[in-house]
Amino acid sequence: MTGSATSSTLWMGDLEPYMDDGFISQAFNYYGETVVNVKIIRNKQTGVPAGYCFVELSTPEMAHRAMLRLNGKIIPNSVPHKRFKLNRASYGKEHLSKPEYSLFVGDLSDDVDDYDLYSAFSKRFRSCSAAKVVLDNFGRSKGYGFVRFTDEGEHQRAMFDMQHVSIGRKPIRVSLATPKRPPPPDVPGTQSAQQYSQYYQQYQQYQYYQSWSAYSQYYNQFSYPYGGGYTTDHFQGYYDQGTEEEMEMLEDPALEIDVEKVNKEFIEQSEEVFEAIEDSRWQPVANVMTTLTQAAAVIAA
């Protein structure tokens, strides 16, 4: 198997209370994926479902394929409609020992999903470990995604060899994915289930694709520790210190900007600053400081 997936267990999140193990198994079967076992996680004090579960498949290869094929698709018979939110479930921190390297992939046609993107790269590069097509709130492709590698050499070659290769109905464009900020230097150990449950509700409020959000047009790496040896690693590179910080939303690189309007606002604001400075030039010292303070307020606004 290519990539780094070694576990046959998947983490599945954002579950409704009515979604029991039978419901989850049938949802996977609907898409042709056979489930060996489903473990619904419950609050130890109340017995109420915690909103996530672990799904075991027969092999790591089948689990990896199911994650790529199903992520973002509608869960059958869910009311209101919910979408699969799957991560790899890894035992311990073995995945943290290997660095990973990422590429941004643009110009994706709307028929390309995670599995298609991963397959196109993994056929040529054995160290391709993950792929993600970014979706909007309606589950439609935004036309770009990300691919990750465990080998830096293949990561570099893929950037050139896969340039303008056709995936789906269009040739793609590939570039480096550069994070806004470096990951924290220290990686704390796995936290207990009790600590996990204290902030899991906060996690549920996050948008699923915020996990790719520490890049202005790329993604952020983060994880959710779970007691008993499991950690979910949604393309993760580190654990947040203490508690999870709220992730930034993805910034759409195709955002339309009204250049005329922006320029006009900039000029108007600049004129206010220059006028305030000009007015202060011949004033007594007290008035100069007052006017400059006003100018500073204009700049800050």
Foldseek 3Di string as FASTA:
>chain_A
DFADQFAQKKKWFQADQVCDFVLVQVQLVVVPFHWDGKAFDADPVPRGGLGMIMTGGDGSVSSQLSCQVFALPWRPPDVPTDGTQIFRKDFWCVVLVFDKFKKKKFQADFVDTFNLVQVVLCVPPRQWHGKGFDADPVSTGPGMIMIMGRDPVSVVVCQPVQAQPDGDHGGMHMDGFDFPDDDDPDADTADEQVLLSVCSVVVSVADSQLQQARGQQGGHWEWRGYHPRIITTRVHNGYDPPDDDHGDDHHRPPDDDPVVVVVVVVVVLVVQLVVLCVVLPPDPPVVNVVSNVVSVVSVVD
